[in-house]
PDB file of all heavy atoms in Angstrom:
ATOM      1  N   MET A   1     110.227  84.653  81.679  1.00  0.00           N
ATOM      2  CA  MET A   1     110.020  83.199  81.643  1.00  0.00           C
ATOM      3  C   MET A   1     109.149  82.733  82.799  1.00  0.00           C
ATOM      4  O   MET A   1     108.569  81.665  82.776  1.00  0.00           O
ATOM      5  CB  MET A   1     111.372  82.479  81.715  1.00  0.00           C
ATOM      6  CG  MET A   1     112.249  82.753  80.498  1.00  0.00           C
ATOM      7  SD  MET A   1     111.493  82.212  78.962  1.00  0.00           S
ATOM      8  CE  MET A   1     111.508  80.482  79.155  1.00  0.00           C
ATOM      9  N   GLY A   2     109.021  83.568  83.888  1.00  0.00           N
ATOM     10  CA  GLY A   2     108.286  83.128  85.047  1.00  0.00           C
ATOM     11  C   GLY A   2     106.835  83.574  85.061  1.00  0.00           C
ATOM     12  O   GLY A   2     106.145  83.458  86.064  1.00  0.00           O
ATOM     13  N   GLY A   3     106.352  84.119  83.989  1.00  0.00           N
ATOM     14  CA  GLY A   3     104.965  84.558  83.953  1.00  0.00           C
ATOM     15  C   GLY A   3     104.821  86.069  84.029  1.00  0.00           C
ATOM     16  O   GLY A   3     105.816  86.796  83.917  1.00  0.00           O
ATOM     17  N   GLY A   4     103.615  86.545  84.287  1.00  0.00           N
ATOM     18  CA  GLY A   4     103.403  87.982  84.247  1.00  0.00           C
ATOM     19  C   GLY A   4     103.577  88.683  85.588  1.00  0.00           C
ATOM     20  O   GLY A   4     103.555  89.895  85.619  1.00  0.00           O
ATOM     21  N   HIS A   5     103.669  87.947  86.683  1.00  0.00           N
ATOM     22  CA  HIS A   5     103.768  88.574  87.981  1.00  0.00           C
ATOM     23  C   HIS A   5     105.237  88.814  88.341  1.00  0.00           C
ATOM     24  O   HIS A   5     105.791  88.232  89.291  1.00  0.00           O
ATOM     25  CB  HIS A   5     103.088  87.717  89.051  1.00  0.00           C
ATOM     26  CG  HIS A   5     101.623  87.535  88.826  1.00  0.00           C
ATOM     27  ND1 HIS A   5     100.684  88.528  89.047  1.00  0.00           N
ATOM     28  CD2 HIS A   5     100.927  86.503  88.309  1.00  0.00           C
ATOM     29  CE1 HIS A   5      99.488  88.097  88.725  1.00  0.00           C
ATOM     30  NE2 HIS A   5      99.611  86.864  88.280  1.00  0.00           N
ATOM     31  N   ASP A   6     105.854  89.626  87.591  1.00  0.00           N
ATOM     32  CA  ASP A   6     107.251  89.920  87.766  1.00  0.00           C
ATOM     33  C   ASP A   6     107.384  91.291  88.428  1.00  0.00           C
ATOM     34  O   ASP A   6     106.573  92.190  88.175  1.00  0.00           O
ATOM     35  CB  ASP A   6     107.980  89.887  86.432  1.00  0.00           C
ATOM     36  CG  ASP A   6     109.469  90.090  86.565  1.00  0.00           C
ATOM     37  OD1 ASP A   6     110.136  89.166  87.023  1.00  0.00           O
ATOM     38  OD2 ASP A   6     109.939  91.175  86.239  1.00  0.00           O
ATOM     39  N   GLU A   7     108.411  91.440  89.248  1.00  0.00           N
ATOM     40  CA  GLU A   7     108.606  92.724  89.939  1.00  0.00           C
ATOM     41  C   GLU A   7     108.788  93.861  88.964  1.00  0.00           C
ATOM     42  O   GLU A   7     108.298  94.970  89.139  1.00  0.00           O
ATOM     43  CB  GLU A   7     109.792  92.594  90.900  1.00  0.00           C
ATOM     44  CG  GLU A   7     110.257  93.909  91.526  1.00  0.00           C
ATOM     45  CD  GLU A   7     109.235  94.512  92.440  1.00  0.00           C
ATOM     46  OE1 GLU A   7     108.233  93.850  92.730  1.00  0.00           O
ATOM     47  OE2 GLU A   7     109.422  95.680  92.879  1.00  0.00           O
ATOM     48  N   ARG A   8     109.527  93.607  87.863  1.00  0.00           N
ATOM     49  CA  ARG A   8     109.719  94.660  86.848  1.00  0.00           C
ATOM     50  C   ARG A   8     108.399  95.063  86.221  1.00  0.00           C
ATOM     51  O   ARG A   8     108.193  96.252  85.873  1.00  0.00           O
ATOM     52  CB  ARG A   8     110.706  94.180  85.799  1.00  0.00           C
ATOM     53  CG  ARG A   8     112.164  94.164  86.283  1.00  0.00           C
ATOM     54  CD  ARG A   8     113.099  93.745  85.170  1.00  0.00           C
ATOM     55  NE  ARG A   8     114.486  93.815  85.595  1.00  0.00           N
ATOM     56  CZ  ARG A   8     115.097  92.895  86.275  1.00  0.00           C
ATOM     57  NH1 ARG A   8     114.479  91.773  86.594  1.00  0.00           N
ATOM     58  NH2 ARG A   8     116.397  93.000  86.616  1.00  0.00           N
ATOM     59  N   GLU A   9     107.545  94.077  86.009  1.00  0.00           N
ATOM     60  CA  GLU A   9     106.254  94.377  85.358  1.00  0.00           C
ATOM     61  C   GLU A   9     105.367  95.208  86.279  1.00  0.00           C
ATOM     62  O   GLU A   9     104.621  96.095  85.837  1.00  0.00           O
ATOM     63  CB  GLU A   9     105.549  93.123  84.934  1.00  0.00           C
ATOM     64  CG  GLU A   9     106.300  92.363  83.842  1.00  0.00           C
ATOM     65  CD  GLU A   9     105.470  91.259  83.214  1.00  0.00           C
ATOM     66  OE1 GLU A   9     104.294  91.129  83.606  1.00  0.00           O
ATOM     67  OE2 GLU A   9     105.994  90.534  82.353  1.00  0.00           O
ATOM     68  N   GLN A  10     105.419  94.914  87.586  1.00  0.00           N
ATOM     69  CA  GLN A  10     104.657  95.751  88.546  1.00  0.00           C
ATOM     70  C   GLN A  10     105.196  97.168  88.525  1.00  0.00           C
ATOM     71  O   GLN A  10     104.422  98.147  88.576  1.00  0.00           O
ATOM     72  CB  GLN A  10     104.775  95.152  89.955  1.00  0.00           C
ATOM     73  CG  GLN A  10     104.098  93.812  90.103  1.00  0.00           C
ATOM     74  CD  GLN A  10     104.100  93.336  91.546  1.00  0.00           C
ATOM     75  OE1 GLN A  10     104.069  94.142  92.474  1.00  0.00           O
ATOM     76  NE2 GLN A  10     104.150  92.037  91.739  1.00  0.00           N
ATOM     77  N   THR A  11     106.496  97.336  88.473  1.00  0.00           N
ATOM     78  CA  THR A  11     107.076  98.657  88.414  1.00  0.00           C
ATOM     79  C   THR A  11     106.697  99.370  87.136  1.00  0.00           C
ATOM     80  O   THR A  11     106.333 100.566  87.147  1.00  0.00           O
ATOM     81  CB  THR A  11     108.610  98.561  88.498  1.00  0.00           C
ATOM     82  OG1 THR A  11     108.979  97.814  89.665  1.00  0.00           O
ATOM     83  CG2 THR A  11     109.248  99.936  88.570  1.00  0.00           C
ATOM     84  N   LEU A  12     106.696  98.651  85.999  1.00  0.00           N
ATOM     85  CA  LEU A  12     106.308  99.224  84.749  1.00  0.00           C
ATOM     86  C   LEU A  12     104.834  99.629  84.769  1.00  0.00           C
ATOM     87  O   LEU A  12     104.449 100.720  84.284  1.00  0.00           O
ATOM     88  CB  LEU A  12     106.553  98.249  83.611  1.00  0.00           C
ATOM     89  CG  LEU A  12     106.064  98.651  82.210  1.00  0.00           C
ATOM     90  CD1 LEU A  12     106.680  99.964  81.773  1.00  0.00           C
ATOM     91  CD2 LEU A  12     106.352  97.547  81.212  1.00  0.00           C
ATOM     92  N   ASN A  13     103.975  98.798  85.338  1.00  0.00           N
ATOM     93  CA  ASN A  13     102.548  99.133  85.430  1.00  0.00           C
ATOM     94  C   ASN A  13     102.336 100.407  86.187  1.00  0.00           C
ATOM     95  O   ASN A  13     101.522 101.267  85.822  1.00  0.00           O
ATOM     96  CB  ASN A  13     101.780  97.971  86.072  1.00  0.00           C
ATOM     97  CG  ASN A  13     101.753  96.743  85.190  1.00  0.00           C
ATOM     98  OD1 ASN A  13     101.885  96.849  83.980  1.00  0.00           O
ATOM     99  ND2 ASN A  13     101.543  95.588  85.792  1.00  0.00           N
ATOM    100  N   GLN A  14     103.066 100.571  87.291  1.00  0.00           N
ATOM    101  CA  GLN A  14     102.917 101.784  88.072  1.00  0.00           C
ATOM    102  C   GLN A  14     103.408 102.997  87.309  1.00  0.00           C
ATOM    103  O   GLN A  14     102.797 104.098  87.376  1.00  0.00           O
ATOM    104  CB  GLN A  14     103.688 101.655  89.411  1.00  0.00           C
ATOM    105  CG  GLN A  14     103.534 102.816  90.355  1.00  0.00           C
ATOM    106  CD  GLN A  14     102.060 102.938  90.811  1.00  0.00           C
ATOM    107  OE1 GLN A  14     101.428 101.920  91.105  1.00  0.00           O
ATOM    108  NE2 GLN A  14     101.553 104.157  90.872  1.00  0.00           N
ATOM    109  N   MET A  15     104.481 102.810  86.556  1.00  0.00           N
ATOM    110  CA  MET A  15     104.978 103.927  85.752  1.00  0.00           C
ATOM    111  C   MET A  15     103.996 104.348  84.666  1.00  0.00           C
ATOM    112  O   MET A  15     103.811 105.525  84.405  1.00  0.00           O
ATOM    113  CB  MET A  15     106.323 103.537  85.125  1.00  0.00           C
ATOM    114  CG  MET A  15     107.035 104.671  84.394  1.00  0.00           C
ATOM    115  SD  MET A  15     108.628 104.162  83.716  1.00  0.00           S
ATOM    116  CE  MET A  15     109.487 103.696  85.211  1.00  0.00           C
ATOM    117  N   LEU A  16     103.334 103.348  84.056  1.00  0.00           N
ATOM    118  CA  LEU A  16     102.329 103.645  83.033  1.00  0.00           C
ATOM    119  C   LEU A  16     101.169 104.443  83.656  1.00  0.00           C
ATOM    120  O   LEU A  16     100.644 105.372  83.041  1.00  0.00           O
ATOM    121  CB  LEU A  16     101.817 102.337  82.414  1.00  0.00           C
ATOM    122  CG  LEU A  16     102.844 101.544  81.605  1.00  0.00           C
ATOM    123  CD1 LEU A  16     102.239 100.207  81.158  1.00  0.00           C
ATOM    124  CD2 LEU A  16     103.329 102.326  80.412  1.00  0.00           C
ATOM    125  N   VAL A  17     100.745 104.026  84.857  1.00  0.00           N
ATOM    126  CA  VAL A  17      99.627 104.705  85.524  1.00  0.00           C
ATOM    127  C   VAL A  17     100.045 106.158  85.852  1.00  0.00           C
ATOM    128  O   VAL A  17      99.249 107.083  85.663  1.00  0.00           O
ATOM    129  CB  VAL A  17      99.232 103.940  86.791  1.00  0.00           C
ATOM    130  CG1 VAL A  17      98.260 104.760  87.604  1.00  0.00           C
ATOM    131  CG2 VAL A  17      98.627 102.596  86.430  1.00  0.00           C
ATOM    132  N   GLU A  18     101.250 106.359  86.369  1.00  0.00           N
ATOM    133  CA  GLU A  18     101.673 107.700  86.746  1.00  0.00           C
ATOM    134  C   GLU A  18     101.784 108.616  85.557  1.00  0.00           C
ATOM    135  O   GLU A  18     101.387 109.778  85.618  1.00  0.00           O
ATOM    136  CB  GLU A  18     102.992 107.624  87.495  1.00  0.00           C
ATOM    137  CG  GLU A  18     102.976 106.901  88.854  1.00  0.00           C
ATOM    138  CD  GLU A  18     102.194 107.710  89.886  1.00  0.00           C
ATOM    139  OE1 GLU A  18     101.986 108.918  89.665  1.00  0.00           O
ATOM    140  OE2 GLU A  18     101.821 107.141  90.912  1.00  0.00           O
ATOM    141  N   MET A  19     102.335 108.109  84.449  1.00  0.00           N
ATOM    142  CA  MET A  19     102.513 108.959  83.245  1.00  0.00           C
ATOM    143  C   MET A  19     101.149 109.271  82.639  1.00  0.00           C
ATOM    144  O   MET A  19     100.995 110.372  82.075  1.00  0.00           O
ATOM    145  CB  MET A  19     103.402 108.230  82.242  1.00  0.00           C
ATOM    146  CG  MET A  19     104.843 108.096  82.668  1.00  0.00           C
ATOM    147  SD  MET A  19     105.885 107.470  81.342  1.00  0.00           S
ATOM    148  CE  MET A  19     105.855 108.807  80.181  1.00  0.00           C
ATOM    149  N   ASP A  20     100.202 108.397  82.719  1.00  0.00           N
ATOM    150  CA  ASP A  20      98.901 108.650  82.106  1.00  0.00           C
ATOM    151  C   ASP A  20      98.000 109.410  83.049  1.00  0.00           C
ATOM    152  O   ASP A  20      96.984 109.958  82.616  1.00  0.00           O
ATOM    153  CB  ASP A  20      98.267 107.310  81.714  1.00  0.00           C
ATOM    154  CG  ASP A  20      97.211 107.510  80.630  1.00  0.00           C
ATOM    155  OD1 ASP A  20      97.344 108.493  79.897  1.00  0.00           O
ATOM    156  OD2 ASP A  20      96.313 106.660  80.495  1.00  0.00           O
ATOM    157  N   GLY A  21      98.348 109.476  84.337  1.00  0.00           N
ATOM    158  CA  GLY A  21      97.476 110.141  85.316  1.00  0.00           C
ATOM    159  C   GLY A  21      97.880 111.551  85.629  1.00  0.00           C
ATOM    160  O   GLY A  21      97.396 112.104  86.620  1.00  0.00           O
ATOM    161  N   PHE A  22      98.765 112.122  84.862  1.00  0.00           N
ATOM    162  CA  PHE A  22      99.186 113.504  85.118  1.00  0.00           C
ATOM    163  C   PHE A  22      98.006 114.449  84.914  1.00  0.00           C
ATOM    164  O   PHE A  22      97.119 114.261  84.081  1.00  0.00           O
ATOM    165  CB  PHE A  22     100.266 113.905  84.133  1.00  0.00           C
ATOM    166  CG  PHE A  22     101.655 113.446  84.544  1.00  0.00           C
ATOM    167  CD1 PHE A  22     102.734 113.592  83.706  1.00  0.00           C
ATOM    168  CD2 PHE A  22     101.856 112.910  85.816  1.00  0.00           C
ATOM    169  CE1 PHE A  22     103.984 113.201  84.100  1.00  0.00           C
ATOM    170  CE2 PHE A  22     103.115 112.513  86.187  1.00  0.00           C
ATOM    171  CZ  PHE A  22     104.197 112.664  85.340  1.00  0.00           C
ATOM    172  N   ASP A  23      98.087 115.514  85.665  1.00  0.00           N
ATOM    173  CA  ASP A  23      97.174 116.648  85.448  1.00  0.00           C
ATOM    174  C   ASP A  23      97.570 117.282  84.133  1.00  0.00           C
ATOM    175  O   ASP A  23      98.750 117.572  83.920  1.00  0.00           O
ATOM    176  CB  ASP A  23      97.296 117.642  86.598  1.00  0.00           C
ATOM    177  CG  ASP A  23      96.373 118.846  86.432  1.00  0.00           C
ATOM    178  OD1 ASP A  23      95.656 118.883  85.425  1.00  0.00           O
ATOM    179  OD2 ASP A  23      96.400 119.708  87.307  1.00  0.00           O
ATOM    180  N   PRO A  24      96.645 117.512  83.188  1.00  0.00           N
ATOM    181  CA  PRO A  24      97.046 118.071  81.898  1.00  0.00           C
ATOM    182  C   PRO A  24      97.752 119.431  82.031  1.00  0.00           C
ATOM    183  O   PRO A  24      98.536 119.763  81.155  1.00  0.00           O
ATOM    184  CB  PRO A  24      95.681 118.258  81.184  1.00  0.00           C
ATOM    185  CG  PRO A  24      94.779 117.261  81.844  1.00  0.00           C
ATOM    186  CD  PRO A  24      95.204 117.200  83.245  1.00  0.00           C
ATOM    187  N   LYS A  25      97.511 120.145  83.129  1.00  0.00           N
ATOM    188  CA  LYS A  25      98.172 121.424  83.299  1.00  0.00           C
ATOM    189  C   LYS A  25      99.432 121.345  84.157  1.00  0.00           C
ATOM    190  O   LYS A  25     100.090 122.343  84.382  1.00  0.00           O
ATOM    191  CB  LYS A  25      97.195 122.435  83.945  1.00  0.00           C
ATOM    192  CG  LYS A  25      95.967 122.731  83.050  1.00  0.00           C
ATOM    193  CD  LYS A  25      95.098 123.792  83.710  1.00  0.00           C
ATOM    194  CE  LYS A  25      93.878 124.096  82.829  1.00  0.00           C
ATOM    195  NZ  LYS A  25      93.014 125.108  83.431  1.00  0.00           N
ATOM    196  N   ALA A  26      99.730 120.127  84.653  1.00  0.00           N
ATOM    197  CA  ALA A  26     100.943 119.989  85.483  1.00  0.00           C
ATOM    198  C   ALA A  26     102.151 119.897  84.553  1.00  0.00           C
ATOM    199  O   ALA A  26     102.221 119.048  83.685  1.00  0.00           O
ATOM    200  CB  ALA A  26     100.829 118.741  86.329  1.00  0.00           C
ATOM    201  N   SER A  27     103.100 120.779  84.774  1.00  0.00           N
ATOM    202  CA  SER A  27     104.277 120.864  83.893  1.00  0.00           C
ATOM    203  C   SER A  27     105.355 119.889  84.430  1.00  0.00           C
ATOM    204  O   SER A  27     106.380 120.305  85.005  1.00  0.00           O
ATOM    205  CB  SER A  27     104.817 122.293  83.853  1.00  0.00           C
ATOM    206  OG  SER A  27     103.811 123.163  83.361  1.00  0.00           O
ATOM    207  N   VAL A  28     105.095 118.621  84.252  1.00  0.00           N
ATOM    208  CA  VAL A  28     106.058 117.583  84.631  1.00  0.00           C
ATOM    209  C   VAL A  28     106.384 116.811  83.384  1.00  0.00           C
ATOM    210  O   VAL A  28     105.475 116.238  82.731  1.00  0.00           O
ATOM    211  CB  VAL A  28     105.508 116.677  85.746  1.00  0.00           C
ATOM    212  CG1 VAL A  28     106.525 115.572  86.050  1.00  0.00           C
ATOM    213  CG2 VAL A  28     105.205 117.466  86.991  1.00  0.00           C
ATOM    214  N   LEU A  29     107.640 116.728  83.031  1.00  0.00           N
ATOM    215  CA  LEU A  29     108.082 116.068  81.797  1.00  0.00           C
ATOM    216  C   LEU A  29     108.973 114.887  82.149  1.00  0.00           C
ATOM    217  O   LEU A  29     109.838 114.997  83.032  1.00  0.00           O
ATOM    218  CB  LEU A  29     108.813 117.074  80.916  1.00  0.00           C
ATOM    219  CG  LEU A  29     109.358 116.506  79.612  1.00  0.00           C
ATOM    220  CD1 LEU A  29     108.246 116.187  78.637  1.00  0.00           C
ATOM    221  CD2 LEU A  29     110.342 117.515  78.989  1.00  0.00           C
ATOM    222  N   VAL A  30     108.767 113.787  81.473  1.00  0.00           N
ATOM    223  CA  VAL A  30     109.594 112.577  81.642  1.00  0.00           C
ATOM    224  C   VAL A  30     110.478 112.448  80.423  1.00  0.00           C
ATOM    225  O   VAL A  30     110.000 112.402  79.272  1.00  0.00           O
ATOM    226  CB  VAL A  30     108.724 111.342  81.835  1.00  0.00           C
ATOM    227  CG1 VAL A  30     109.651 110.114  82.042  1.00  0.00           C
ATOM    228  CG2 VAL A  30     107.817 111.490  83.028  1.00  0.00           C
ATOM    229  N   ILE A  31     111.792 112.416  80.644  1.00  0.00           N
ATOM    230  CA  ILE A  31     112.746 112.148  79.580  1.00  0.00           C
ATOM    231  C   ILE A  31     113.421 110.807  79.869  1.00  0.00           C
ATOM    232  O   ILE A  31     113.861 110.591  80.985  1.00  0.00           O
ATOM    233  CB  ILE A  31     113.784 113.276  79.483  1.00  0.00           C
ATOM    234  CG1 ILE A  31     113.157 114.614  79.243  1.00  0.00           C
ATOM    235  CG2 ILE A  31     114.815 112.966  78.376  1.00  0.00           C
ATOM    236  CD1 ILE A  31     114.131 115.780  79.214  1.00  0.00           C
ATOM    237  N   ALA A  32     113.456 109.933  78.910  1.00  0.00           N
ATOM    238  CA  ALA A  32     114.056 108.607  79.084  1.00  0.00           C
ATOM    239  C   ALA A  32     115.052 108.379  77.983  1.00  0.00           C
ATOM    240  O   ALA A  32     114.921 108.896  76.867  1.00  0.00           O
ATOM    241  CB  ALA A  32     113.000 107.497  79.091  1.00  0.00           C
ATOM    242  N   ALA A  33     116.049 107.570  78.259  1.00  0.00           N
ATOM    243  CA  ALA A  33     117.092 107.223  77.288  1.00  0.00           C
ATOM    244  C   ALA A  33     117.264 105.719  77.244  1.00  0.00           C
ATOM    245  O   ALA A  33     117.181 105.040  78.305  1.00  0.00           O
ATOM    246  CB  ALA A  33     118.420 107.898  77.667  1.00  0.00           C
ATOM    247  N   THR A  34     117.494 105.200  76.084  1.00  0.00           N
ATOM    248  CA  THR A  34     117.685 103.743  75.910  1.00  0.00           C
ATOM    249  C   THR A  34     118.480 103.475  74.635  1.00  0.00           C
ATOM    250  O   THR A  34     118.450 104.288  73.682  1.00  0.00           O
ATOM    251  CB  THR A  34     116.324 102.998  75.858  1.00  0.00           C
ATOM    252  OG1 THR A  34     116.567 101.616  75.722  1.00  0.00           O
ATOM    253  CG2 THR A  34     115.505 103.478  74.683  1.00  0.00           C
ATOM    254  N   ASN A  35     119.173 102.354  74.632  1.00  0.00           N
ATOM    255  CA  ASN A  35     119.847 101.856  73.420  1.00  0.00           C
ATOM    256  C   ASN A  35     118.999 100.855  72.681  1.00  0.00           C
ATOM    257  O   ASN A  35     119.346 100.473  71.564  1.00  0.00           O
ATOM    258  CB  ASN A  35     121.201 101.213  73.808  1.00  0.00           C
ATOM    259  CG  ASN A  35     122.080 102.123  74.592  1.00  0.00           C
ATOM    260  OD1 ASN A  35     122.054 103.346  74.389  1.00  0.00           O
ATOM    261  ND2 ASN A  35     122.883 101.578  75.484  1.00  0.00           N
ATOM    262  N   ARG A  36     117.932 100.332  73.322  1.00  0.00           N
ATOM    263  CA  ARG A  36     117.121  99.273  72.732  1.00  0.00           C
ATOM    264  C   ARG A  36     115.659  99.674  72.725  1.00  0.00           C
ATOM    265  O   ARG A  36     114.871  99.154  73.549  1.00  0.00           O
ATOM    266  CB  ARG A  36     117.326  97.979  73.535  1.00  0.00           C
ATOM    267  CG  ARG A  36     118.724  97.387  73.512  1.00  0.00           C
ATOM    268  CD  ARG A  36     119.045  96.822  72.146  1.00  0.00           C
ATOM    269  NE  ARG A  36     118.040  95.875  71.699  1.00  0.00           N
ATOM    270  CZ  ARG A  36     118.032  94.581  72.041  1.00  0.00           C
ATOM    271  NH1 ARG A  36     118.940  94.112  72.824  1.00  0.00           N
ATOM    272  NH2 ARG A  36     117.093  93.753  71.570  1.00  0.00           N
ATOM    273  N   PRO A  37     115.218 100.557  71.848  1.00  0.00           N
ATOM    274  CA  PRO A  37     113.791 100.902  71.827  1.00  0.00           C
ATOM    275  C   PRO A  37     112.934  99.766  71.328  1.00  0.00           C
ATOM    276  O   PRO A  37     111.718  99.728  71.561  1.00  0.00           O
ATOM    277  CB  PRO A  37     113.745 102.085  70.854  1.00  0.00           C
ATOM    278  CG  PRO A  37     114.936 101.917  69.978  1.00  0.00           C
ATOM    279  CD  PRO A  37     116.003 101.289  70.841  1.00  0.00           C
ATOM    280  N   ASP A  38     113.530  98.745  70.654  1.00  0.00           N
ATOM    281  CA  ASP A  38     112.768  97.648  70.088  1.00  0.00           C
ATOM    282  C   ASP A  38     112.190  96.730  71.174  1.00  0.00           C
ATOM    283  O   ASP A  38     111.233  95.982  70.903  1.00  0.00           O
ATOM    284  CB  ASP A  38     113.583  96.854  69.108  1.00  0.00           C
ATOM    285  CG  ASP A  38     114.898  96.379  69.720  1.00  0.00           C
ATOM    286  OD1 ASP A  38     115.595  97.193  70.304  1.00  0.00           O
ATOM    287  OD2 ASP A  38     115.168  95.157  69.633  1.00  0.00           O
ATOM    288  N   ILE A  39     112.765  96.736  72.374  1.00  0.00           N
ATOM    289  CA  ILE A  39     112.301  95.825  73.409  1.00  0.00           C
ATOM    290  C   ILE A  39     111.394  96.506  74.440  1.00  0.00           C
ATOM    291  O   ILE A  39     110.992  95.880  75.403  1.00  0.00           O
ATOM    292  CB  ILE A  39     113.497  95.158  74.140  1.00  0.00           C
ATOM    293  CG1 ILE A  39     114.327  96.175  74.897  1.00  0.00           C
ATOM    294  CG2 ILE A  39     114.353  94.376  73.155  1.00  0.00           C
ATOM    295  CD1 ILE A  39     115.429  95.565  75.730  1.00  0.00           C
ATOM    296  N   LEU A  40     111.119  97.784  74.247  1.00  0.00           N
ATOM    297  CA  LEU A  40     110.259  98.497  75.198  1.00  0.00           C
ATOM    298  C   LEU A  40     108.794  98.079  75.001  1.00  0.00           C
ATOM    299  O   LEU A  40     108.370  97.699  73.878  1.00  0.00           O
ATOM    300  CB  LEU A  40     110.410  99.999  75.039  1.00  0.00           C
ATOM    301  CG  LEU A  40     111.757 100.619  75.384  1.00  0.00           C
ATOM    302  CD1 LEU A  40     111.746 102.098  75.194  1.00  0.00           C
ATOM    303  CD2 LEU A  40     112.169 100.240  76.808  1.00  0.00           C
TER     304      LEU A  40
END
């Protein structure tokens, strides 16, 4: 409700950058769990 400059959104943006910036040969896997995939 307060706009786009939310602390959670900054955290999410950084997570998106880190997951997309992996070295293709780096064997690092992210596993996530949620009860609400519809709100991701």
